[in-house]
PDB file of all heavy atoms in Angstrom:
ATOM      1  N   LYS A   1       0.840  -1.198   0.000  1.00  0.00           N
ATOM      2  CA  LYS A   1       0.000   0.000   0.000  1.00  0.00           C
ATOM      3  C   LYS A   1       0.879   1.254   0.000  1.00  0.00           C
ATOM      4  O   LYS A   1       0.620   2.202  -0.728  1.00  0.00           O
ATOM      5  CB  LYS A   1      -0.913   0.008   1.219  1.00  0.00           C
ATOM      6  CG  LYS A   1      -1.920   1.133   1.206  1.00  0.00           C
ATOM      7  CD  LYS A   1      -2.722   1.231   2.486  1.00  0.00           C
ATOM      8  CE  LYS A   1      -3.430  -0.035   2.828  1.00  0.00           C
ATOM      9  NZ  LYS A   1      -4.186   0.036   4.088  1.00  0.00           N
ATOM     10  N   SER A   2       1.925   1.216   0.776  1.00  0.00           N
ATOM     11  CA  SER A   2       2.839   2.350   0.855  1.00  0.00           C
ATOM     12  C   SER A   2       3.470   2.656  -0.504  1.00  0.00           C
ATOM     13  O   SER A   2       3.565   3.812  -0.914  1.00  0.00           O
ATOM     14  CB  SER A   2       3.925   2.059   1.895  1.00  0.00           C
ATOM     15  OG  SER A   2       4.819   3.118   1.993  1.00  0.00           O
ATOM     16  N   GLU A   3       3.894   1.617  -1.193  1.00  0.00           N
ATOM     17  CA  GLU A   3       4.512   1.803  -2.518  1.00  0.00           C
ATOM     18  C   GLU A   3       3.511   2.389  -3.513  1.00  0.00           C
ATOM     19  O   GLU A   3       3.846   3.299  -4.275  1.00  0.00           O
ATOM     20  CB  GLU A   3       5.050   0.478  -3.043  1.00  0.00           C
ATOM     21  CG  GLU A   3       6.258  -0.023  -2.288  1.00  0.00           C
ATOM     22  CD  GLU A   3       6.644  -1.444  -2.660  1.00  0.00           C
ATOM     23  OE1 GLU A   3       5.796  -2.201  -3.186  1.00  0.00           O
ATOM     24  OE2 GLU A   3       7.801  -1.809  -2.402  1.00  0.00           O
ATOM     25  N   LEU A   4       2.289   1.864  -3.503  1.00  0.00           N
ATOM     26  CA  LEU A   4       1.269   2.379  -4.414  1.00  0.00           C
ATOM     27  C   LEU A   4       0.947   3.834  -4.112  1.00  0.00           C
ATOM     28  O   LEU A   4       0.771   4.642  -5.027  1.00  0.00           O
ATOM     29  CB  LEU A   4      -0.009   1.536  -4.337  1.00  0.00           C
ATOM     30  CG  LEU A   4       0.059   0.172  -4.996  1.00  0.00           C
ATOM     31  CD1 LEU A   4      -1.180  -0.638  -4.681  1.00  0.00           C
ATOM     32  CD2 LEU A   4       0.229   0.311  -6.499  1.00  0.00           C
ATOM     33  N   CYS A   5       0.883   4.164  -2.833  1.00  0.00           N
ATOM     34  CA  CYS A   5       0.579   5.541  -2.453  1.00  0.00           C
ATOM     35  C   CYS A   5       1.666   6.499  -2.929  1.00  0.00           C
ATOM     36  O   CYS A   5       1.368   7.590  -3.427  1.00  0.00           O
ATOM     37  CB  CYS A   5       0.390   5.647  -0.942  1.00  0.00           C
ATOM     38  SG  CYS A   5      -1.121   4.846  -0.376  1.00  0.00           S
ATOM     39  N   LYS A   6       2.911   6.085  -2.801  1.00  0.00           N
ATOM     40  CA  LYS A   6       4.013   6.924  -3.277  1.00  0.00           C
ATOM     41  C   LYS A   6       4.011   7.011  -4.796  1.00  0.00           C
ATOM     42  O   LYS A   6       4.211   8.081  -5.367  1.00  0.00           O
ATOM     43  CB  LYS A   6       5.350   6.380  -2.777  1.00  0.00           C
ATOM     44  CG  LYS A   6       5.559   6.604  -1.304  1.00  0.00           C
ATOM     45  CD  LYS A   6       6.865   5.991  -0.842  1.00  0.00           C
ATOM     46  CE  LYS A   6       6.996   6.118   0.664  1.00  0.00           C
ATOM     47  NZ  LYS A   6       8.197   5.453   1.167  1.00  0.00           N
ATOM     48  N   LEU A   7       3.770   5.887  -5.434  1.00  0.00           N
ATOM     49  CA  LEU A   7       3.784   5.822  -6.895  1.00  0.00           C
ATOM     50  C   LEU A   7       2.725   6.738  -7.512  1.00  0.00           C
ATOM     51  O   LEU A   7       2.981   7.421  -8.502  1.00  0.00           O
ATOM     52  CB  LEU A   7       3.562   4.377  -7.345  1.00  0.00           C
ATOM     53  CG  LEU A   7       3.625   4.083  -8.828  1.00  0.00           C
ATOM     54  CD1 LEU A   7       5.020   4.357  -9.383  1.00  0.00           C
ATOM     55  CD2 LEU A   7       3.238   2.641  -9.089  1.00  0.00           C
ATOM     56  N   TYR A   8       1.535   6.762  -6.903  1.00  0.00           N
ATOM     57  CA  TYR A   8       0.427   7.541  -7.450  1.00  0.00           C
ATOM     58  C   TYR A   8       0.138   8.823  -6.668  1.00  0.00           C
ATOM     59  O   TYR A   8      -0.838   9.501  -6.944  1.00  0.00           O
ATOM     60  CB  TYR A   8      -0.840   6.680  -7.494  1.00  0.00           C
ATOM     61  CG  TYR A   8      -0.757   5.562  -8.502  1.00  0.00           C
ATOM     62  CD1 TYR A   8      -0.495   4.252  -8.105  1.00  0.00           C
ATOM     63  CD2 TYR A   8      -0.929   5.807  -9.866  1.00  0.00           C
ATOM     64  CE1 TYR A   8      -0.423   3.224  -9.025  1.00  0.00           C
ATOM     65  CE2 TYR A   8      -0.855   4.788 -10.791  1.00  0.00           C
ATOM     66  CZ  TYR A   8      -0.594   3.499 -10.370  1.00  0.00           C
ATOM     67  OH  TYR A   8      -0.519   2.483 -11.286  1.00  0.00           O
ATOM     68  N   SER A   9       0.974   9.139  -5.686  1.00  0.00           N
ATOM     69  CA  SER A   9       0.804  10.339  -4.854  1.00  0.00           C
ATOM     70  C   SER A   9      -0.566  10.394  -4.193  1.00  0.00           C
ATOM     71  O   SER A   9      -1.292  11.384  -4.300  1.00  0.00           O
ATOM     72  CB  SER A   9       1.049  11.608  -5.682  1.00  0.00           C
ATOM     73  OG  SER A   9       2.334  11.606  -6.218  1.00  0.00           O
ATOM     74  N   ILE A  10      -0.908   9.311  -3.516  1.00  0.00           N
ATOM     75  CA  ILE A  10      -2.184   9.194  -2.820  1.00  0.00           C
ATOM     76  C   ILE A  10      -1.891   8.964  -1.343  1.00  0.00           C
ATOM     77  O   ILE A  10      -0.988   8.195  -1.005  1.00  0.00           O
ATOM     78  CB  ILE A  10      -2.999   7.996  -3.343  1.00  0.00           C
ATOM     79  CG1 ILE A  10      -3.184   8.085  -4.851  1.00  0.00           C
ATOM     80  CG2 ILE A  10      -4.342   7.890  -2.644  1.00  0.00           C
ATOM     81  CD1 ILE A  10      -3.730   6.806  -5.455  1.00  0.00           C
ATOM     82  N   ALA A  11      -2.675   9.574  -0.478  1.00  0.00           N
ATOM     83  CA  ALA A  11      -2.521   9.350   0.960  1.00  0.00           C
ATOM     84  C   ALA A  11      -3.019   7.949   1.325  1.00  0.00           C
ATOM     85  O   ALA A  11      -4.039   7.504   0.787  1.00  0.00           O
ATOM     86  CB  ALA A  11      -3.304  10.400   1.738  1.00  0.00           C
ATOM     87  N   PRO A  12      -2.321   7.264   2.217  1.00  0.00           N
ATOM     88  CA  PRO A  12      -2.777   5.930   2.644  1.00  0.00           C
ATOM     89  C   PRO A  12      -4.199   5.945   3.203  1.00  0.00           C
ATOM     90  O   PRO A  12      -4.946   4.983   3.017  1.00  0.00           O
ATOM     91  CB  PRO A  12      -1.765   5.527   3.718  1.00  0.00           C
ATOM     92  CG  PRO A  12      -0.549   6.320   3.408  1.00  0.00           C
ATOM     93  CD  PRO A  12      -1.037   7.607   2.823  1.00  0.00           C
ATOM     94  N   THR A  13      -4.579   7.017   3.873  1.00  0.00           N
ATOM     95  CA  THR A  13      -5.939   7.091   4.413  1.00  0.00           C
ATOM     96  C   THR A  13      -6.973   7.113   3.301  1.00  0.00           C
ATOM     97  O   THR A  13      -8.083   6.590   3.466  1.00  0.00           O
ATOM     98  CB  THR A  13      -6.122   8.328   5.314  1.00  0.00           C
ATOM     99  OG1 THR A  13      -5.741   9.497   4.586  1.00  0.00           O
ATOM    100  CG2 THR A  13      -5.288   8.220   6.574  1.00  0.00           C
ATOM    101  N   THR A  14      -6.610   7.683   2.166  1.00  0.00           N
ATOM    102  CA  THR A  14      -7.509   7.701   1.012  1.00  0.00           C
ATOM    103  C   THR A  14      -7.738   6.285   0.504  1.00  0.00           C
ATOM    104  O   THR A  14      -8.872   5.886   0.228  1.00  0.00           O
ATOM    105  CB  THR A  14      -6.930   8.584  -0.106  1.00  0.00           C
ATOM    106  OG1 THR A  14      -6.756   9.915   0.398  1.00  0.00           O
ATOM    107  CG2 THR A  14      -7.834   8.613  -1.324  1.00  0.00           C
ATOM    108  N   VAL A  15      -6.670   5.516   0.403  1.00  0.00           N
ATOM    109  CA  VAL A  15      -6.793   4.126  -0.042  1.00  0.00           C
ATOM    110  C   VAL A  15      -7.626   3.331   0.957  1.00  0.00           C
ATOM    111  O   VAL A  15      -8.471   2.525   0.567  1.00  0.00           O
ATOM    112  CB  VAL A  15      -5.411   3.478  -0.260  1.00  0.00           C
ATOM    113  CG1 VAL A  15      -5.543   2.012  -0.628  1.00  0.00           C
ATOM    114  CG2 VAL A  15      -4.640   4.227  -1.354  1.00  0.00           C
ATOM    115  N   ASN A  16      -7.430   3.589   2.248  1.00  0.00           N
ATOM    116  CA  ASN A  16      -8.225   2.906   3.269  1.00  0.00           C
ATOM    117  C   ASN A  16      -9.710   3.221   3.108  1.00  0.00           C
ATOM    118  O   ASN A  16     -10.559   2.343   3.282  1.00  0.00           O
ATOM    119  CB  ASN A  16      -7.771   3.300   4.673  1.00  0.00           C
ATOM    120  CG  ASN A  16      -6.419   2.721   5.015  1.00  0.00           C
ATOM    121  OD1 ASN A  16      -5.990   1.730   4.442  1.00  0.00           O
ATOM    122  ND2 ASN A  16      -5.745   3.345   5.953  1.00  0.00           N
ATOM    123  N   GLU A  17     -10.028   4.456   2.752  1.00  0.00           N
ATOM    124  CA  GLU A  17     -11.428   4.838   2.513  1.00  0.00           C
ATOM    125  C   GLU A  17     -11.999   4.069   1.324  1.00  0.00           C
ATOM    126  O   GLU A  17     -13.153   3.638   1.358  1.00  0.00           O
ATOM    127  CB  GLU A  17     -11.536   6.345   2.267  1.00  0.00           C
ATOM    128  CG  GLU A  17     -11.293   7.175   3.507  1.00  0.00           C
ATOM    129  CD  GLU A  17     -11.258   8.664   3.209  1.00  0.00           C
ATOM    130  OE1 GLU A  17     -11.679   9.087   2.106  1.00  0.00           O
ATOM    131  OE2 GLU A  17     -10.802   9.419   4.082  1.00  0.00           O
ATOM    132  N   TRP A  18     -11.207   3.891   0.286  1.00  0.00           N
ATOM    133  CA  TRP A  18     -11.664   3.137  -0.886  1.00  0.00           C
ATOM    134  C   TRP A  18     -11.890   1.673  -0.528  1.00  0.00           C
ATOM    135  O   TRP A  18     -12.842   1.058  -1.006  1.00  0.00           O
ATOM    136  CB  TRP A  18     -10.669   3.250  -2.029  1.00  0.00           C
ATOM    137  CG  TRP A  18     -10.457   4.650  -2.535  1.00  0.00           C
ATOM    138  CD1 TRP A  18     -11.245   5.745  -2.285  1.00  0.00           C
ATOM    139  CD2 TRP A  18      -9.394   5.115  -3.349  1.00  0.00           C
ATOM    140  NE1 TRP A  18     -10.732   6.842  -2.899  1.00  0.00           N
ATOM    141  CE2 TRP A  18      -9.593   6.500  -3.571  1.00  0.00           C
ATOM    142  CE3 TRP A  18      -8.293   4.506  -3.930  1.00  0.00           C
ATOM    143  CZ2 TRP A  18      -8.729   7.265  -4.340  1.00  0.00           C
ATOM    144  CZ3 TRP A  18      -7.430   5.272  -4.697  1.00  0.00           C
ATOM    145  CH2 TRP A  18      -7.655   6.639  -4.902  1.00  0.00           C
ATOM    146  N   ILE A  19     -11.021   1.122   0.303  1.00  0.00           N
ATOM    147  CA  ILE A  19     -11.174  -0.273   0.735  1.00  0.00           C
ATOM    148  C   ILE A  19     -12.513  -0.442   1.448  1.00  0.00           C
ATOM    149  O   ILE A  19     -13.253  -1.385   1.188  1.00  0.00           O
ATOM    150  CB  ILE A  19      -9.995  -0.698   1.638  1.00  0.00           C
ATOM    151  CG1 ILE A  19      -8.718  -0.806   0.802  1.00  0.00           C
ATOM    152  CG2 ILE A  19     -10.293  -2.010   2.349  1.00  0.00           C
ATOM    153  CD1 ILE A  19      -7.445  -0.982   1.617  1.00  0.00           C
ATOM    154  N   LYS A  20     -12.836   0.504   2.319  1.00  0.00           N
ATOM    155  CA  LYS A  20     -14.112   0.452   3.033  1.00  0.00           C
ATOM    156  C   LYS A  20     -15.289   0.692   2.094  1.00  0.00           C
ATOM    157  O   LYS A  20     -16.305  -0.006   2.165  1.00  0.00           O
ATOM    158  CB  LYS A  20     -14.127   1.485   4.156  1.00  0.00           C
ATOM    159  CG  LYS A  20     -13.196   1.141   5.293  1.00  0.00           C
ATOM    160  CD  LYS A  20     -13.187   2.234   6.339  1.00  0.00           C
ATOM    161  CE  LYS A  20     -12.106   1.965   7.376  1.00  0.00           C
ATOM    162  NZ  LYS A  20     -11.969   3.094   8.311  1.00  0.00           N
ATOM    163  N   LYS A  21     -15.141   1.672   1.205  1.00  0.00           N
ATOM    164  CA  LYS A  21     -16.222   2.019   0.282  1.00  0.00           C
ATOM    165  C   LYS A  21     -16.623   0.839  -0.595  1.00  0.00           C
ATOM    166  O   LYS A  21     -17.808   0.590  -0.830  1.00  0.00           O
ATOM    167  CB  LYS A  21     -15.804   3.194  -0.610  1.00  0.00           C
ATOM    168  CG  LYS A  21     -16.844   3.571  -1.641  1.00  0.00           C
ATOM    169  CD  LYS A  21     -16.402   4.726  -2.509  1.00  0.00           C
ATOM    170  CE  LYS A  21     -17.467   5.029  -3.542  1.00  0.00           C
ATOM    171  NZ  LYS A  21     -17.098   6.159  -4.395  1.00  0.00           N
ATOM    172  N   TYR A  22     -15.645   0.118  -1.098  1.00  0.00           N
ATOM    173  CA  TYR A  22     -15.907  -0.999  -2.002  1.00  0.00           C
ATOM    174  C   TYR A  22     -15.982  -2.339  -1.268  1.00  0.00           C
ATOM    175  O   TYR A  22     -15.977  -3.391  -1.901  1.00  0.00           O
ATOM    176  CB  TYR A  22     -14.862  -1.034  -3.123  1.00  0.00           C
ATOM    177  CG  TYR A  22     -14.973   0.175  -4.019  1.00  0.00           C
ATOM    178  CD1 TYR A  22     -14.069   1.226  -3.921  1.00  0.00           C
ATOM    179  CD2 TYR A  22     -16.017   0.288  -4.930  1.00  0.00           C
ATOM    180  CE1 TYR A  22     -14.186   2.348  -4.721  1.00  0.00           C
ATOM    181  CE2 TYR A  22     -16.141   1.408  -5.736  1.00  0.00           C
ATOM    182  CZ  TYR A  22     -15.224   2.438  -5.627  1.00  0.00           C
ATOM    183  OH  TYR A  22     -15.347   3.549  -6.416  1.00  0.00           O
ATOM    184  N   ASN A  23     -16.045  -2.255   0.063  1.00  0.00           N
ATOM    185  CA  ASN A  23     -16.225  -3.446   0.899  1.00  0.00           C
ATOM    186  C   ASN A  23     -15.222  -4.553   0.568  1.00  0.00           C
ATOM    187  O   ASN A  23     -15.587  -5.717   0.430  1.00  0.00           O
ATOM    188  CB  ASN A  23     -17.666  -3.959   0.781  1.00  0.00           C
ATOM    189  CG  ASN A  23     -18.040  -4.850   1.938  1.00  0.00           C
ATOM    190  OD1 ASN A  23     -17.473  -4.744   3.020  1.00  0.00           O
ATOM    191  ND2 ASN A  23     -18.987  -5.741   1.711  1.00  0.00           N
ATOM    192  N   ARG A  24     -13.972  -4.158   0.436  1.00  0.00           N
ATOM    193  CA  ARG A  24     -12.912  -5.121   0.122  1.00  0.00           C
ATOM    194  C   ARG A  24     -12.340  -5.672   1.412  1.00  0.00           C
ATOM    195  O   ARG A  24     -11.270  -5.291   1.862  1.00  0.00           O
ATOM    196  CB  ARG A  24     -11.830  -4.449  -0.727  1.00  0.00           C
ATOM    197  CG  ARG A  24     -12.266  -4.041  -2.121  1.00  0.00           C
ATOM    198  CD  ARG A  24     -12.645  -5.229  -2.988  1.00  0.00           C
ATOM    199  NE  ARG A  24     -11.582  -6.208  -3.072  1.00  0.00           N
ATOM    200  CZ  ARG A  24     -10.637  -6.203  -4.011  1.00  0.00           C
ATOM    201  NH1 ARG A  24     -10.655  -5.299  -4.964  1.00  0.00           N
ATOM    202  NH2 ARG A  24      -9.699  -7.116  -4.007  1.00  0.00           N
ATOM    203  N   LYS A  25     -13.088  -6.580   2.027  1.00  0.00           N
ATOM    204  CA  LYS A  25     -12.680  -7.158   3.307  1.00  0.00           C
ATOM    205  C   LYS A  25     -11.344  -7.882   3.192  1.00  0.00           C
ATOM    206  O   LYS A  25     -10.607  -7.977   4.168  1.00  0.00           O
ATOM    207  CB  LYS A  25     -13.764  -8.082   3.835  1.00  0.00           C
ATOM    208  CG  LYS A  25     -15.014  -7.334   4.218  1.00  0.00           C
ATOM    209  CD  LYS A  25     -16.082  -8.259   4.733  1.00  0.00           C
ATOM    210  CE  LYS A  25     -17.337  -7.452   5.028  1.00  0.00           C
ATOM    211  NZ  LYS A  25     -18.424  -8.283   5.507  1.00  0.00           N
ATOM    212  N   ASP A  26     -11.042  -8.372   2.006  1.00  0.00           N
ATOM    213  CA  ASP A  26      -9.764  -9.057   1.801  1.00  0.00           C
ATOM    214  C   ASP A  26      -8.577  -8.106   1.939  1.00  0.00           C
ATOM    215  O   ASP A  26      -7.456  -8.543   2.168  1.00  0.00           O
ATOM    216  CB  ASP A  26      -9.730  -9.744   0.440  1.00  0.00           C
ATOM    217  CG  ASP A  26      -9.968  -8.783  -0.726  1.00  0.00           C
ATOM    218  OD1 ASP A  26     -10.846  -7.901  -0.602  1.00  0.00           O
ATOM    219  OD2 ASP A  26      -9.286  -8.924  -1.745  1.00  0.00           O
ATOM    220  N   LEU A  27      -8.824  -6.801   1.828  1.00  0.00           N
ATOM    221  CA  LEU A  27      -7.749  -5.815   1.925  1.00  0.00           C
ATOM    222  C   LEU A  27      -7.790  -5.025   3.224  1.00  0.00           C
ATOM    223  O   LEU A  27      -6.949  -4.161   3.438  1.00  0.00           O
ATOM    224  CB  LEU A  27      -7.821  -4.836   0.741  1.00  0.00           C
ATOM    225  CG  LEU A  27      -7.706  -5.446  -0.649  1.00  0.00           C
ATOM    226  CD1 LEU A  27      -7.921  -4.385  -1.706  1.00  0.00           C
ATOM    227  CD2 LEU A  27      -6.364  -6.118  -0.831  1.00  0.00           C
TER     228      LEU A  27
END
């Protein structure tokens, strides 16, 4: 997750919000 966030300039908290939004329990 850290690498992807740096690669795409996204905050980790933003990715966490997407995980919750799309109900990706596996992530």
